Amino acid sequence: MRGRCHCGNISYELQTELAEPPLRACQCSFCRMHAARSISDPAGRLVFDVEDESLLSRYRFGLATADFLVCRRCGAYAGAFMDGYGIANARLLETALLREPSPVSYDGETAEQRIARRRERWTPGEIRIRAPRATSGS
């Protein structure tokens, strides 16, 4: 499964054997505002590719346990990543998923509970940067 933001700066590939990976609609304010639909497969592999790191926003909120990957150029939310695990926003898929997502709420979780849940349900993966940010100095 492949997806990308509107301008193409952030793309992802979710490798999965599942015919229909779970589709979730988180009820937090961030996900609702982005109309996000999350997909993951704990037995799969998720790779985010970023063409220009200077256009990648790693937004943290709430318990600040994961980076929410947002393109600075087009504003699309691509997915989230935490310590080698990620979820992808199915809204960015090349082929739309037409089924209804399951609404989920994680209110009341502690940071430890949230991290444990993500390690169990999110997809192992990585973020690859094609053009790193320029560094100042010599």
Protein backbone atom coordinates (compact mmCIF):
# COMPACT_ATOMS: atom_id res chain seq x y z
CA MET A 1 0.00 0.00 0.00
CA ARG A 2 1.47 3.34 -1.04
CA GLY A 3 0.54 6.87 -0.08
CA ARG A 4 1.92 10.36 -0.33
CA CYS A 5 1.16 13.91 0.69
CA HIS A 6 -0.33 16.29 -1.89
CA CYS A 7 3.03 17.74 -3.01
CA GLY A 8 4.89 14.40 -2.81
CA ASN A 9 7.48 15.45 -0.21
CA ILE A 10 6.36 12.73 2.21
CA SER A 11 5.45 9.30 0.93
CA TYR A 12 5.05 5.93 2.56
CA GLU A 13 4.85 2.25 1.78
CA LEU A 14 3.02 -0.14 4.08
CA GLN A 15 3.95 -3.74 3.42
CA THR A 16 1.22 -6.02 4.72
CA GLU A 17 -0.20 -9.47 4.06
CA LEU A 18 -3.59 -8.34 5.38
CA ALA A 19 -6.30 -7.98 2.75
CA GLU A 20 -7.92 -5.29 4.91
CA PRO A 21 -5.68 -3.80 7.59
CA PRO A 22 -7.58 -2.29 10.53
CA LEU A 23 -8.86 1.19 9.70
CA ARG A 24 -9.29 3.45 12.73
CA ALA A 25 -10.66 6.96 13.25
CA CYS A 26 -9.01 8.36 16.36
CA GLN A 27 -11.27 10.80 18.17
CA CYS A 28 -8.53 13.16 19.41
CA SER A 29 -8.75 16.76 18.22
CA PHE A 30 -5.69 16.46 15.94
CA CYS A 31 -6.99 13.41 14.07
CA ARG A 32 -10.52 14.81 13.84
CA MET A 33 -9.23 18.13 12.43
CA HIS A 34 -7.21 16.23 9.79
CA ALA A 35 -10.03 13.72 9.12
CA ALA A 36 -7.34 11.07 9.62
CA ARG A 37 -7.94 7.39 9.03
CA SER A 38 -5.10 5.30 10.48
CA ILE A 39 -3.86 1.95 9.20
CA SER A 40 -1.19 -0.35 10.60
CA ASP A 41 -0.11 -3.98 10.67
CA PRO A 42 2.10 -5.17 13.55
CA ALA A 43 3.36 -8.00 11.30
CA GLY A 44 4.11 -5.65 8.39
CA ARG A 45 6.65 -2.96 7.60
CA LEU A 46 6.12 0.81 7.20
CA VAL A 47 8.64 3.12 5.57
CA PHE A 48 8.17 6.87 5.34
CA ASP A 49 10.32 8.59 2.70
CA VAL A 50 10.95 12.31 3.05
CA GLU A 51 12.41 14.14 0.06
CA ASP A 52 13.27 17.42 1.84
CA GLU A 53 13.62 17.28 5.63
CA SER A 54 13.27 21.05 5.93
CA LEU A 55 9.64 20.58 4.79
CA LEU A 56 8.88 17.94 7.44
CA SER A 57 7.14 19.00 10.63
CA ARG A 58 7.39 16.54 13.52
CA TYR A 59 4.49 17.71 15.65
CA ARG A 60 4.02 16.48 19.23
CA PHE A 61 1.04 17.14 21.46
CA GLY A 62 -0.79 15.62 24.42
CA LEU A 63 1.51 13.10 26.11
CA ALA A 64 4.23 13.86 23.49
CA THR A 65 5.00 10.17 22.91
CA ALA A 66 5.06 10.23 19.08
CA ASP A 67 5.95 12.50 16.17
CA PHE A 68 3.00 13.34 13.92
CA LEU A 69 4.46 13.82 10.44
CA VAL A 70 3.05 16.83 8.62
CA CYS A 71 4.29 18.32 5.35
CA ARG A 72 5.18 22.00 5.73
CA ARG A 73 4.60 22.61 2.01
CA CYS A 74 1.11 21.16 1.47
CA GLY A 75 -0.10 20.68 5.05
CA ALA A 76 -0.98 16.99 4.73
CA TYR A 77 -0.73 14.71 7.77
CA ALA A 78 1.04 11.52 6.61
CA GLY A 79 1.19 9.44 9.78
CA ALA A 80 2.86 9.13 13.15
CA PHE A 81 6.09 7.55 14.30
CA MET A 82 7.49 6.46 17.67
CA ASP A 83 10.71 4.55 18.41
CA GLY A 84 10.69 2.37 15.29
CA TYR A 85 6.89 1.99 15.05
CA GLY A 86 4.41 3.92 12.94
CA ILE A 87 0.92 4.33 11.57
CA ALA A 88 -0.05 5.73 8.21
CA ASN A 89 -2.90 8.05 7.29
CA ALA A 90 -5.03 6.05 4.86
CA ARG A 91 -6.39 9.33 3.42
CA LEU A 92 -3.09 9.60 1.52
CA LEU A 93 -3.30 6.17 -0.12
CA GLU A 94 -3.06 5.96 -3.92
CA THR A 95 -6.14 3.71 -3.86
CA ALA A 96 -8.90 4.82 -1.51
CA LEU A 97 -10.27 2.53 1.18
CA LEU A 98 -14.03 2.75 0.91
CA ARG A 99 -14.98 1.03 4.16
CA GLU A 100 -15.93 2.84 7.33
CA PRO A 101 -13.27 3.14 10.04
CA SER A 102 -13.72 2.03 13.63
CA PRO A 103 -13.87 5.06 15.93
CA VAL A 104 -11.36 4.82 18.78
CA SER A 105 -10.56 6.97 21.80
CA TYR A 106 -7.43 6.77 23.89
CA ASP A 107 -8.45 9.29 26.52
CA GLY A 108 -7.26 8.36 29.98
CA GLU A 109 -4.19 6.42 28.89
CA THR A 110 -0.95 7.10 30.71
CA ALA A 111 2.20 7.67 28.64
CA GLU A 112 3.35 4.13 29.51
CA GLN A 113 0.02 2.60 28.44
CA ARG A 114 0.04 4.57 25.20
CA ILE A 115 3.58 3.48 24.32
CA ALA A 116 2.76 -0.18 25.11
CA ARG A 117 -0.40 -0.06 22.95
CA ARG A 118 1.48 1.46 20.05
CA ARG A 119 4.25 -1.15 20.23
CA GLU A 120 1.55 -3.83 20.08
CA ARG A 121 -0.63 -2.34 17.28
CA TRP A 122 1.59 -0.07 15.18
CA THR A 123 3.80 -1.24 12.32
CA PRO A 124 7.57 -1.63 12.67
CA GLY A 125 9.37 0.71 10.32
CA GLU A 126 11.58 3.68 9.68
CA ILE A 127 11.75 7.22 8.34
CA ARG A 128 14.21 7.72 5.47
CA ILE A 129 15.38 11.23 4.72
CA ARG A 130 16.52 11.91 1.14
CA ALA A 131 17.77 15.51 1.61
CA PRO A 132 18.70 16.26 5.23
CA ARG A 133 18.38 19.73 6.71
CA ALA A 134 21.38 21.95 6.04
CA THR A 135 23.58 22.47 9.09
CA SER A 136 25.28 25.70 9.93
CA GLY A 137 28.94 25.84 10.83
CA SER A 138 32.21 25.16 9.11
